[in-house]
N, C-alpha and C. Protein backbone atom coordinates (compact mmCIF):
# COMPACT_ATOMS: atom_id res chain seq x y z
N UNK A 1 46.86 -19.36 16.25
CA UNK A 1 45.99 -19.64 15.12
C UNK A 1 46.30 -18.67 13.98
N UNK A 2 46.39 -19.17 12.77
CA UNK A 2 46.62 -18.28 11.64
C UNK A 2 45.29 -17.64 11.27
N UNK A 3 45.37 -16.40 10.81
CA UNK A 3 44.13 -15.66 10.57
C UNK A 3 43.45 -16.07 9.28
N UNK A 4 44.10 -16.87 8.45
CA UNK A 4 43.48 -17.21 7.17
C UNK A 4 43.12 -18.69 7.06
N UNK A 5 42.86 -19.30 8.19
CA UNK A 5 42.52 -20.73 8.16
C UNK A 5 41.40 -21.02 9.15
N UNK A 6 40.46 -21.83 8.72
CA UNK A 6 39.40 -22.27 9.62
C UNK A 6 39.92 -23.45 10.42
N UNK A 7 39.78 -23.37 11.72
CA UNK A 7 40.22 -24.46 12.60
C UNK A 7 39.01 -25.25 13.07
N UNK A 8 39.09 -26.57 13.01
CA UNK A 8 38.04 -27.45 13.52
C UNK A 8 38.70 -28.41 14.49
N UNK A 9 38.30 -28.32 15.76
CA UNK A 9 38.89 -29.18 16.79
C UNK A 9 37.81 -30.11 17.34
N UNK A 10 38.05 -31.41 17.20
CA UNK A 10 37.12 -32.42 17.70
C UNK A 10 37.64 -32.95 19.02
N UNK A 11 36.78 -32.97 20.04
CA UNK A 11 37.18 -33.46 21.35
C UNK A 11 36.14 -34.49 21.80
N UNK A 12 36.48 -35.77 21.63
CA UNK A 12 35.53 -36.83 21.95
C UNK A 12 35.26 -36.92 23.45
N UNK A 13 36.30 -36.69 24.26
CA UNK A 13 36.12 -36.76 25.71
C UNK A 13 35.12 -35.69 26.18
N UNK A 14 35.23 -34.50 25.59
CA UNK A 14 34.32 -33.40 25.93
C UNK A 14 33.01 -33.47 25.15
N UNK A 15 32.93 -34.39 24.17
CA UNK A 15 31.76 -34.54 23.28
C UNK A 15 31.47 -33.23 22.54
N UNK A 16 32.55 -32.61 22.01
CA UNK A 16 32.38 -31.30 21.39
C UNK A 16 33.17 -31.15 20.10
N UNK A 17 32.76 -30.15 19.33
CA UNK A 17 33.48 -29.70 18.14
C UNK A 17 33.56 -28.18 18.25
N UNK A 18 34.76 -27.64 18.06
CA UNK A 18 34.94 -26.19 18.09
C UNK A 18 35.43 -25.76 16.70
N UNK A 19 34.76 -24.76 16.14
CA UNK A 19 35.14 -24.19 14.85
C UNK A 19 35.53 -22.74 15.12
N UNK A 20 36.72 -22.33 14.67
CA UNK A 20 37.13 -20.95 14.88
C UNK A 20 37.80 -20.38 13.64
N UNK A 21 37.69 -19.07 13.51
CA UNK A 21 38.24 -18.38 12.34
C UNK A 21 38.33 -16.90 12.65
N UNK A 22 39.38 -16.28 12.15
CA UNK A 22 39.47 -14.83 12.23
C UNK A 22 39.12 -14.25 10.87
N UNK A 23 38.29 -13.22 10.88
CA UNK A 23 37.85 -12.56 9.66
C UNK A 23 38.42 -11.14 9.62
N UNK A 24 38.84 -10.71 8.46
CA UNK A 24 39.32 -9.33 8.29
C UNK A 24 38.12 -8.45 7.99
N UNK A 25 37.28 -8.27 9.01
CA UNK A 25 36.06 -7.47 8.89
C UNK A 25 35.66 -7.01 10.29
N UNK A 26 34.99 -5.87 10.37
CA UNK A 26 34.56 -5.39 11.69
C UNK A 26 33.51 -6.31 12.32
N UNK A 27 33.50 -6.32 13.63
CA UNK A 27 32.62 -7.22 14.37
C UNK A 27 31.15 -7.05 13.97
N UNK A 28 30.73 -5.81 13.67
CA UNK A 28 29.33 -5.56 13.29
C UNK A 28 28.96 -6.30 12.01
N UNK A 29 29.88 -6.31 11.05
CA UNK A 29 29.62 -6.99 9.76
C UNK A 29 29.59 -8.51 9.93
N UNK A 30 30.49 -9.04 10.74
CA UNK A 30 30.53 -10.49 10.95
C UNK A 30 29.29 -10.93 11.73
N UNK A 31 28.94 -10.16 12.77
CA UNK A 31 27.73 -10.46 13.55
C UNK A 31 26.51 -10.51 12.63
N UNK A 32 26.39 -9.51 11.76
CA UNK A 32 25.25 -9.45 10.84
C UNK A 32 25.22 -10.67 9.93
N UNK A 33 26.38 -11.14 9.48
CA UNK A 33 26.44 -12.30 8.59
C UNK A 33 25.93 -13.57 9.28
N UNK A 34 26.03 -13.63 10.61
CA UNK A 34 25.57 -14.78 11.38
C UNK A 34 24.13 -14.64 11.86
N UNK A 35 23.57 -13.43 11.77
CA UNK A 35 22.26 -13.20 12.40
C UNK A 35 21.20 -12.66 11.45
N UNK A 36 21.53 -12.43 10.20
CA UNK A 36 20.59 -11.92 9.21
C UNK A 36 20.37 -13.02 8.16
N UNK A 37 19.15 -13.49 8.04
CA UNK A 37 18.88 -14.62 7.14
C UNK A 37 19.24 -14.33 5.69
N UNK A 38 19.11 -13.08 5.24
CA UNK A 38 19.47 -12.76 3.85
C UNK A 38 20.96 -12.99 3.61
N UNK A 39 21.77 -12.72 4.62
CA UNK A 39 23.21 -12.97 4.50
C UNK A 39 23.53 -14.45 4.74
N UNK A 40 22.92 -15.06 5.74
CA UNK A 40 23.14 -16.50 5.99
C UNK A 40 22.87 -17.33 4.74
N UNK A 41 21.80 -16.98 4.02
CA UNK A 41 21.45 -17.72 2.81
C UNK A 41 22.54 -17.63 1.74
N UNK A 42 23.43 -16.65 1.86
CA UNK A 42 24.49 -16.48 0.85
C UNK A 42 25.74 -17.29 1.17
N UNK A 43 25.88 -17.75 2.42
CA UNK A 43 27.12 -18.48 2.74
C UNK A 43 26.92 -19.78 3.51
N UNK A 44 25.79 -19.98 4.15
CA UNK A 44 25.56 -21.16 4.97
C UNK A 44 25.12 -22.30 4.05
N UNK A 45 25.98 -23.20 3.79
CA UNK A 45 25.68 -24.31 2.89
C UNK A 45 26.84 -24.53 1.95
N UNK A 46 27.50 -25.69 2.05
CA UNK A 46 28.68 -25.92 1.20
C UNK A 46 28.28 -26.09 -0.26
N UNK A 47 28.88 -25.28 -1.13
CA UNK A 47 28.60 -25.34 -2.56
C UNK A 47 28.80 -26.78 -3.07
N UNK A 48 27.93 -27.30 -3.92
CA UNK A 48 26.87 -26.63 -4.66
C UNK A 48 25.55 -26.51 -3.88
N UNK A 49 25.54 -26.92 -2.63
CA UNK A 49 24.36 -26.75 -1.79
C UNK A 49 24.24 -25.30 -1.36
N UNK A 50 23.04 -24.90 -0.98
CA UNK A 50 22.84 -23.53 -0.49
C UNK A 50 21.75 -23.55 0.58
N UNK A 51 21.79 -22.56 1.43
CA UNK A 51 20.75 -22.43 2.46
C UNK A 51 19.60 -21.60 1.93
N UNK A 52 18.41 -21.96 2.36
CA UNK A 52 17.20 -21.21 1.99
C UNK A 52 16.36 -21.09 3.26
N UNK A 53 16.24 -19.87 3.76
CA UNK A 53 15.50 -19.63 5.01
C UNK A 53 14.00 -19.71 4.77
N UNK A 54 13.32 -20.48 5.61
CA UNK A 54 11.86 -20.50 5.60
C UNK A 54 11.36 -19.42 6.57
N UNK A 55 11.99 -19.36 7.77
CA UNK A 55 11.66 -18.29 8.71
C UNK A 55 12.81 -18.13 9.69
N UNK A 56 12.94 -16.89 10.17
CA UNK A 56 13.98 -16.62 11.16
C UNK A 56 13.47 -15.58 12.13
N UNK A 57 13.65 -15.88 13.41
CA UNK A 57 13.30 -14.96 14.48
C UNK A 57 14.50 -14.95 15.43
N UNK A 58 15.42 -14.01 15.19
CA UNK A 58 16.64 -13.96 15.99
C UNK A 58 16.37 -13.23 17.31
N UNK A 59 15.67 -13.94 18.19
CA UNK A 59 15.39 -13.48 19.54
C UNK A 59 15.52 -14.70 20.45
N UNK A 60 15.67 -14.46 21.76
CA UNK A 60 15.73 -15.58 22.70
C UNK A 60 14.42 -16.36 22.59
N UNK A 61 14.52 -17.65 22.34
CA UNK A 61 13.35 -18.50 22.13
C UNK A 61 12.93 -18.58 20.67
N UNK A 62 13.48 -17.71 19.84
CA UNK A 62 13.17 -17.71 18.41
C UNK A 62 13.94 -18.80 17.69
N UNK A 63 13.63 -18.96 16.41
CA UNK A 63 14.20 -20.06 15.65
C UNK A 63 14.56 -19.62 14.24
N UNK A 64 15.65 -20.21 13.73
CA UNK A 64 15.99 -20.10 12.31
C UNK A 64 15.69 -21.46 11.71
N UNK A 65 14.70 -21.51 10.83
CA UNK A 65 14.31 -22.73 10.13
C UNK A 65 14.73 -22.57 8.68
N UNK A 66 15.57 -23.50 8.22
CA UNK A 66 16.12 -23.37 6.88
C UNK A 66 16.26 -24.74 6.23
N UNK A 67 16.35 -24.71 4.91
CA UNK A 67 16.60 -25.93 4.14
C UNK A 67 17.98 -25.81 3.51
N UNK A 68 18.69 -26.94 3.51
CA UNK A 68 19.89 -27.04 2.69
C UNK A 68 19.38 -27.59 1.36
N UNK A 69 19.53 -26.79 0.31
CA UNK A 69 18.99 -27.14 -0.99
C UNK A 69 20.12 -27.61 -1.90
N UNK A 70 19.96 -28.82 -2.42
CA UNK A 70 20.98 -29.41 -3.28
C UNK A 70 20.82 -29.00 -4.73
N UNK A 71 21.80 -29.35 -5.54
CA UNK A 71 21.78 -28.97 -6.95
C UNK A 71 20.60 -29.55 -7.72
N UNK A 72 20.03 -30.67 -7.23
CA UNK A 72 18.87 -31.27 -7.89
C UNK A 72 17.56 -30.82 -7.25
N UNK A 73 17.66 -29.84 -6.34
CA UNK A 73 16.46 -29.32 -5.69
C UNK A 73 16.06 -30.07 -4.43
N UNK A 74 16.82 -31.10 -4.04
CA UNK A 74 16.51 -31.84 -2.82
C UNK A 74 16.72 -30.92 -1.61
N UNK A 75 15.93 -31.16 -0.55
CA UNK A 75 16.02 -30.31 0.64
C UNK A 75 16.21 -31.15 1.89
N UNK A 76 17.16 -30.69 2.72
CA UNK A 76 17.38 -31.26 4.05
C UNK A 76 17.20 -30.11 5.03
N UNK A 77 16.31 -30.28 6.00
CA UNK A 77 15.93 -29.19 6.89
C UNK A 77 16.76 -29.17 8.16
N UNK A 78 17.02 -27.95 8.64
CA UNK A 78 17.72 -27.75 9.89
C UNK A 78 17.09 -26.59 10.65
N UNK A 79 17.29 -26.58 11.96
CA UNK A 79 16.76 -25.47 12.75
C UNK A 79 17.70 -25.17 13.90
N UNK A 80 17.80 -23.88 14.19
CA UNK A 80 18.53 -23.40 15.36
C UNK A 80 17.51 -22.67 16.23
N UNK A 81 17.47 -23.02 17.48
CA UNK A 81 16.63 -22.32 18.44
C UNK A 81 17.56 -21.51 19.34
N UNK A 82 17.33 -20.20 19.38
CA UNK A 82 18.22 -19.31 20.12
C UNK A 82 17.87 -19.31 21.60
N UNK A 83 18.87 -19.63 22.44
CA UNK A 83 18.68 -19.75 23.90
C UNK A 83 19.14 -18.51 24.65
N UNK A 84 20.12 -17.80 24.13
CA UNK A 84 20.64 -16.59 24.76
C UNK A 84 21.30 -15.75 23.68
N UNK A 85 21.19 -14.42 23.79
CA UNK A 85 21.79 -13.51 22.81
C UNK A 85 22.42 -12.34 23.57
N UNK A 86 23.69 -12.08 23.28
CA UNK A 86 24.41 -10.94 23.84
C UNK A 86 24.94 -10.17 22.62
N UNK A 87 24.22 -9.13 22.17
CA UNK A 87 24.54 -8.46 20.91
C UNK A 87 26.03 -8.12 20.74
N UNK A 88 26.55 -8.49 19.56
CA UNK A 88 27.93 -8.29 19.12
C UNK A 88 28.95 -9.07 19.95
N UNK A 89 28.50 -9.89 20.89
CA UNK A 89 29.41 -10.70 21.70
C UNK A 89 29.20 -12.20 21.48
N UNK A 90 27.93 -12.62 21.38
CA UNK A 90 27.70 -14.03 21.16
C UNK A 90 26.25 -14.43 21.33
N UNK A 91 26.00 -15.70 21.03
CA UNK A 91 24.67 -16.28 21.23
C UNK A 91 24.81 -17.77 21.47
N UNK A 92 23.79 -18.30 22.14
CA UNK A 92 23.73 -19.74 22.41
C UNK A 92 22.49 -20.29 21.71
N UNK A 93 22.59 -21.55 21.27
CA UNK A 93 21.48 -22.15 20.54
C UNK A 93 21.48 -23.66 20.67
N UNK A 94 20.36 -24.24 20.29
CA UNK A 94 20.28 -25.68 20.04
C UNK A 94 20.12 -25.83 18.55
N UNK A 95 20.83 -26.78 17.98
CA UNK A 95 20.88 -26.95 16.54
C UNK A 95 20.57 -28.40 16.21
N UNK A 96 19.65 -28.62 15.29
CA UNK A 96 19.31 -29.98 14.94
C UNK A 96 18.74 -30.10 13.54
N UNK A 97 18.57 -31.34 13.13
CA UNK A 97 17.92 -31.65 11.86
C UNK A 97 16.43 -31.74 12.15
N UNK A 98 15.61 -31.39 11.17
CA UNK A 98 14.17 -31.35 11.43
C UNK A 98 13.40 -31.55 10.13
N UNK A 99 12.08 -31.47 10.24
CA UNK A 99 11.24 -31.47 9.04
C UNK A 99 10.97 -30.00 8.66
N UNK A 100 10.22 -29.80 7.58
CA UNK A 100 10.02 -28.44 7.09
C UNK A 100 9.16 -27.57 8.00
N UNK A 101 8.60 -28.16 9.04
CA UNK A 101 7.84 -27.38 10.02
C UNK A 101 8.66 -27.07 11.27
N UNK A 102 9.89 -27.60 11.33
CA UNK A 102 10.76 -27.33 12.47
C UNK A 102 10.70 -28.37 13.57
N UNK A 103 10.04 -29.50 13.31
CA UNK A 103 9.99 -30.58 14.30
C UNK A 103 11.30 -31.36 14.23
N UNK A 104 12.04 -31.34 15.34
CA UNK A 104 13.37 -31.95 15.38
C UNK A 104 13.30 -33.46 15.16
N UNK A 105 14.23 -33.97 14.34
CA UNK A 105 14.34 -35.40 14.06
C UNK A 105 15.11 -36.05 15.21
N UNK A 106 14.45 -36.87 16.04
CA UNK A 106 15.12 -37.48 17.19
C UNK A 106 16.15 -38.55 16.81
N UNK A 107 16.15 -38.96 15.54
CA UNK A 107 17.09 -40.00 15.10
C UNK A 107 18.45 -39.42 14.69
N UNK A 108 18.56 -38.10 14.66
CA UNK A 108 19.82 -37.46 14.27
C UNK A 108 20.34 -36.60 15.42
N UNK A 109 21.65 -36.40 15.48
CA UNK A 109 22.24 -35.65 16.60
C UNK A 109 21.73 -34.21 16.71
N UNK A 110 21.56 -33.76 17.94
CA UNK A 110 21.22 -32.37 18.25
C UNK A 110 22.37 -31.83 19.09
N UNK A 111 22.78 -30.61 18.81
CA UNK A 111 23.86 -30.02 19.59
C UNK A 111 23.39 -28.79 20.33
N UNK A 112 24.07 -28.51 21.43
CA UNK A 112 23.94 -27.24 22.11
C UNK A 112 25.17 -26.46 21.70
N UNK A 113 24.98 -25.22 21.27
CA UNK A 113 26.11 -24.46 20.77
C UNK A 113 26.22 -23.08 21.35
N UNK A 114 27.44 -22.58 21.31
CA UNK A 114 27.71 -21.21 21.73
C UNK A 114 28.66 -20.60 20.71
N UNK A 115 28.28 -19.44 20.16
CA UNK A 115 29.10 -18.72 19.20
C UNK A 115 29.54 -17.42 19.85
N UNK A 116 30.86 -17.18 19.85
CA UNK A 116 31.38 -15.94 20.45
C UNK A 116 32.12 -15.13 19.39
N UNK A 117 32.00 -13.82 19.51
CA UNK A 117 32.60 -12.86 18.58
C UNK A 117 33.56 -11.99 19.39
N UNK A 118 34.83 -11.91 18.96
CA UNK A 118 35.83 -11.15 19.68
C UNK A 118 36.56 -10.23 18.70
N UNK A 119 36.65 -8.97 19.06
CA UNK A 119 37.39 -8.01 18.23
C UNK A 119 38.88 -8.34 18.33
N UNK A 120 39.56 -8.31 17.17
CA UNK A 120 41.01 -8.57 17.12
C UNK A 120 41.69 -7.39 16.43
N UNK A 121 43.01 -7.42 16.40
CA UNK A 121 43.78 -6.35 15.75
C UNK A 121 43.42 -6.23 14.27
N UNK A 122 43.10 -7.37 13.63
CA UNK A 122 42.82 -7.38 12.19
C UNK A 122 41.35 -7.51 11.83
N UNK A 123 40.47 -7.64 12.82
CA UNK A 123 39.05 -7.80 12.49
C UNK A 123 38.29 -8.46 13.61
N UNK A 124 37.80 -9.68 13.34
CA UNK A 124 36.92 -10.37 14.28
C UNK A 124 37.23 -11.85 14.31
N UNK A 125 37.33 -12.39 15.51
CA UNK A 125 37.49 -13.84 15.67
C UNK A 125 36.14 -14.41 16.11
N UNK A 126 35.72 -15.47 15.43
CA UNK A 126 34.48 -16.16 15.76
C UNK A 126 34.85 -17.57 16.21
N UNK A 127 34.28 -17.98 17.34
CA UNK A 127 34.46 -19.34 17.82
C UNK A 127 33.07 -19.93 18.07
N UNK A 128 32.83 -21.10 17.50
CA UNK A 128 31.55 -21.77 17.60
C UNK A 128 31.80 -23.14 18.21
N UNK A 129 31.28 -23.35 19.41
CA UNK A 129 31.47 -24.63 20.09
C UNK A 129 30.14 -25.36 20.17
N UNK A 130 30.14 -26.59 19.67
CA UNK A 130 28.95 -27.44 19.72
C UNK A 130 29.23 -28.60 20.65
N UNK A 131 28.29 -28.88 21.52
CA UNK A 131 28.42 -29.98 22.46
C UNK A 131 27.28 -30.96 22.22
N UNK A 132 27.61 -32.24 22.21
CA UNK A 132 26.64 -33.30 21.93
C UNK A 132 26.40 -34.14 23.18
N UNK A 133 25.34 -34.94 23.15
CA UNK A 133 24.97 -35.79 24.27
C UNK A 133 25.98 -36.89 24.52
N UNK A 134 26.57 -37.42 23.43
CA UNK A 134 27.50 -38.53 23.58
C UNK A 134 28.54 -38.52 22.45
N UNK A 135 29.57 -39.32 22.63
CA UNK A 135 30.65 -39.41 21.63
C UNK A 135 30.15 -39.94 20.29
N UNK A 136 29.18 -40.83 20.32
CA UNK A 136 28.66 -41.40 19.07
C UNK A 136 28.04 -40.30 18.19
N UNK A 137 27.38 -39.31 18.82
CA UNK A 137 26.80 -38.20 18.04
C UNK A 137 27.89 -37.36 17.39
N UNK A 138 28.98 -37.13 18.12
CA UNK A 138 30.11 -36.39 17.54
C UNK A 138 30.64 -37.16 16.34
N UNK A 139 30.84 -38.46 16.50
CA UNK A 139 31.36 -39.30 15.41
C UNK A 139 30.41 -39.27 14.21
N UNK A 140 29.13 -39.34 14.48
CA UNK A 140 28.14 -39.35 13.39
C UNK A 140 28.17 -38.04 12.59
N UNK A 141 28.26 -36.91 13.29
CA UNK A 141 28.32 -35.61 12.61
C UNK A 141 29.58 -35.53 11.75
N UNK A 142 30.69 -36.01 12.28
CA UNK A 142 31.95 -36.01 11.52
C UNK A 142 31.81 -36.89 10.27
N UNK A 143 31.21 -38.07 10.43
CA UNK A 143 31.02 -38.98 9.29
C UNK A 143 30.07 -38.40 8.25
N UNK A 144 29.19 -37.50 8.66
CA UNK A 144 28.26 -36.85 7.73
C UNK A 144 28.95 -35.74 6.93
N UNK A 145 30.24 -35.52 7.19
CA UNK A 145 31.00 -34.53 6.42
C UNK A 145 31.02 -33.14 7.02
N UNK A 146 30.77 -33.04 8.33
CA UNK A 146 30.68 -31.73 8.97
C UNK A 146 31.92 -30.86 8.74
N UNK A 147 33.10 -31.44 8.97
CA UNK A 147 34.32 -30.62 8.90
C UNK A 147 34.52 -30.01 7.51
N UNK A 148 34.37 -30.82 6.47
CA UNK A 148 34.53 -30.30 5.11
C UNK A 148 33.43 -29.29 4.80
N UNK A 149 32.21 -29.59 5.22
CA UNK A 149 31.09 -28.70 4.94
C UNK A 149 31.22 -27.36 5.61
N UNK A 150 31.55 -27.35 6.91
CA UNK A 150 31.65 -26.07 7.63
C UNK A 150 32.84 -25.27 7.13
N UNK A 151 33.91 -25.94 6.75
CA UNK A 151 35.08 -25.22 6.22
C UNK A 151 34.71 -24.53 4.91
N UNK A 152 33.96 -25.20 4.04
CA UNK A 152 33.50 -24.57 2.79
C UNK A 152 32.59 -23.38 3.09
N UNK A 153 31.69 -23.54 4.04
CA UNK A 153 30.78 -22.45 4.40
C UNK A 153 31.56 -21.22 4.87
N UNK A 154 32.52 -21.44 5.76
CA UNK A 154 33.30 -20.34 6.30
C UNK A 154 34.09 -19.64 5.19
N UNK A 155 34.61 -20.41 4.23
CA UNK A 155 35.32 -19.80 3.10
C UNK A 155 34.36 -18.93 2.29
N UNK A 156 33.12 -19.38 2.14
CA UNK A 156 32.11 -18.59 1.43
C UNK A 156 31.81 -17.31 2.20
N UNK A 157 31.82 -17.37 3.53
CA UNK A 157 31.62 -16.17 4.35
C UNK A 157 32.79 -15.21 4.16
N UNK A 158 34.01 -15.71 4.11
CA UNK A 158 35.19 -14.86 3.88
C UNK A 158 34.99 -14.08 2.57
N UNK A 159 34.56 -14.78 1.52
CA UNK A 159 34.35 -14.12 0.22
C UNK A 159 33.22 -13.09 0.29
N UNK A 160 32.13 -13.41 0.99
CA UNK A 160 31.01 -12.47 1.14
C UNK A 160 31.48 -11.20 1.85
N UNK A 161 32.24 -11.37 2.93
CA UNK A 161 32.74 -10.20 3.68
C UNK A 161 33.69 -9.35 2.83
N UNK A 162 34.50 -10.01 1.98
CA UNK A 162 35.38 -9.26 1.07
C UNK A 162 34.57 -8.45 0.08
N UNK A 163 33.52 -9.06 -0.49
CA UNK A 163 32.65 -8.36 -1.44
C UNK A 163 31.99 -7.16 -0.78
N UNK A 164 31.52 -7.34 0.46
CA UNK A 164 30.88 -6.24 1.18
C UNK A 164 31.87 -5.10 1.41
N UNK A 165 33.11 -5.44 1.74
CA UNK A 165 34.13 -4.41 2.00
C UNK A 165 34.42 -3.60 0.73
N UNK A 166 34.47 -4.29 -0.42
CA UNK A 166 34.74 -3.62 -1.69
C UNK A 166 33.54 -2.74 -2.07
N UNK A 167 32.34 -3.19 -1.77
CA UNK A 167 31.13 -2.44 -2.14
C UNK A 167 30.99 -1.15 -1.33
N UNK A 168 31.66 -1.07 -0.17
CA UNK A 168 31.52 0.13 0.67
C UNK A 168 32.75 0.98 0.70
């Protein structure tokens, strides 16, 4: 894998999508970018959309409830419920679309995910694997623009980490 490219691998047989990227930043900084709502709001959401956290409790059983806010002020809600956390190594979650109170929309795909953080010679490698109930859910997420959206988000994270490095 090249260190300057986001990889998105779709596996219909496994009903999964894996997103991976190496960042030229220490594991502590990358971990913080994934677990601190003030930082997530700066990169989670493909421009011109942006994330806006309503509440976040990064603990096992806790939830990140956020809106994807569009340029016209429209909001689409999402939530991650944290199932397991291993500090600086990874976390597991359920991720879905919901209303502004965090009630999951049963008409849209929900994924079970695992994000792992690994120290590398040049920084940190992050791998995020999402697994769905069926192949149709994987196809639906892809048709909703997931690959382009997550790639834009990750590029925004690369820029945020560069800015942080320059500031320190």
